[in-house]
Amino acid sequence: MRLDKFLKLARLVKRRTVAQEMIEVGAVRINGRQCKPSAEVRMGDSVEIAYPSRVLSLEVLCADEAALKRMSPEEAWSSREERRVDPSEKPW
């Protein structure tokens, strides 16, 4: 599944266009590497998302689009780490 679509369906961002913008500026990484919105997300991948005041590190538990639409966000991904960052600094 595409990364931008995963972020939207897993309810990590509200809109897919917001997910695409975050990915383009480098605020989202898969397995430690910067990627494009069309990058494939697979079960077991590590995803890091830099929000303005925090960085969320998670593991993908489900990358199936049909299943993601039916399940809750807690079933789609597992949080590994969440840390606060200074909003004036760019975490990447």
Protein backbone atom coordinates (compact mmCIF):
# COMPACT_ATOMS: atom_id res chain seq x y z
CA MET A 1 0.00 0.00 0.00
CA ARG A 2 1.17 3.55 -0.68
CA LEU A 3 2.65 5.40 2.28
CA ASP A 4 0.35 8.42 1.99
CA LYS A 5 -2.70 6.19 1.87
CA PHE A 6 -1.50 4.17 4.88
CA LEU A 7 -1.06 7.32 6.96
CA LYS A 8 -4.61 8.40 6.13
CA LEU A 9 -6.30 5.01 6.65
CA ALA A 10 -4.37 4.37 9.88
CA ARG A 11 -5.62 7.77 11.10
CA LEU A 12 -2.15 9.18 11.64
CA VAL A 13 -3.07 12.25 9.55
CA LYS A 14 -6.50 13.65 8.71
CA ARG A 15 -6.11 14.04 4.95
CA ARG A 16 -4.08 12.31 2.29
CA THR A 17 -2.87 15.63 0.88
CA VAL A 18 -1.45 16.51 4.30
CA ALA A 19 0.31 13.13 4.35
CA GLN A 20 1.79 13.82 0.91
CA GLU A 21 3.07 17.23 2.02
CA MET A 22 4.65 15.78 5.17
CA ILE A 23 6.38 13.07 3.15
CA GLU A 24 7.65 15.56 0.54
CA VAL A 25 9.31 17.76 3.19
CA GLY A 26 10.97 14.71 4.77
CA ALA A 27 8.88 14.43 7.94
CA VAL A 28 8.10 10.74 7.32
CA ARG A 29 10.60 7.90 6.95
CA ILE A 30 10.29 4.19 6.32
CA ASN A 31 12.98 2.00 7.90
CA GLY A 32 15.10 5.12 8.51
CA ARG A 33 15.07 6.28 4.88
CA GLN A 34 13.38 9.31 3.38
CA CYS A 35 10.86 8.29 0.73
CA LYS A 36 8.14 9.43 -1.66
CA PRO A 37 4.37 9.37 -1.08
CA SER A 38 4.11 6.40 -3.44
CA ALA A 39 6.58 4.27 -1.42
CA GLU A 40 5.26 0.83 -0.52
CA VAL A 41 4.47 0.13 3.13
CA ARG A 42 4.64 -3.52 4.19
CA MET A 43 3.79 -5.33 7.38
CA GLY A 44 6.73 -5.11 9.81
CA ASP A 45 8.11 -1.83 8.42
CA SER A 46 9.28 0.84 10.84
CA VAL A 47 7.75 4.27 10.17
CA GLU A 48 8.86 7.52 11.82
CA ILE A 49 6.59 10.57 11.64
CA ALA A 50 7.74 14.04 12.72
CA TYR A 51 4.84 16.17 13.89
CA PRO A 52 5.50 19.81 14.92
CA SER A 53 6.04 18.99 18.61
CA ARG A 54 6.73 15.25 18.68
CA VAL A 55 8.23 12.35 16.76
CA LEU A 56 6.30 9.08 16.62
CA SER A 57 8.05 5.82 15.80
CA LEU A 58 5.79 2.87 14.98
CA GLU A 59 5.69 -0.60 13.50
CA VAL A 60 3.20 -1.45 10.74
CA LEU A 61 0.96 -4.36 11.77
CA CYS A 62 -1.38 -4.31 8.77
CA ALA A 63 -0.79 -2.94 5.28
CA ASP A 64 -3.93 -4.31 3.61
CA GLU A 65 -6.22 -1.50 2.42
CA ALA A 66 -9.51 -3.37 2.83
CA ALA A 67 -8.60 -4.54 6.34
CA LEU A 68 -7.44 -1.05 7.38
CA LYS A 69 -10.80 0.43 6.46
CA ARG A 70 -12.54 -2.00 8.84
CA MET A 71 -10.18 -1.95 11.82
CA SER A 72 -9.31 0.53 14.53
CA PRO A 73 -5.98 2.41 14.46
CA GLU A 74 -4.69 0.39 17.42
CA GLU A 75 -4.83 -2.75 15.26
CA ALA A 76 -3.09 -1.15 12.25
CA TRP A 77 0.14 -0.09 13.96
CA SER A 78 2.06 -0.45 17.19
CA SER A 79 3.84 2.49 18.80
CA ARG A 80 7.55 1.92 19.47
CA GLU A 81 8.54 5.32 20.77
CA GLU A 82 7.11 8.80 21.09
CA ARG A 83 9.34 11.69 22.04
CA ARG A 84 8.80 15.40 22.43
CA VAL A 85 10.83 17.84 20.34
CA ASP A 86 11.24 21.59 20.43
CA PRO A 87 8.87 23.08 17.81
CA SER A 88 11.56 25.56 16.70
CA GLU A 89 13.88 22.68 15.72
CA LYS A 90 13.35 20.46 12.72
CA PRO A 91 13.59 16.83 13.86
CA TRP A 92 14.99 15.78 10.46
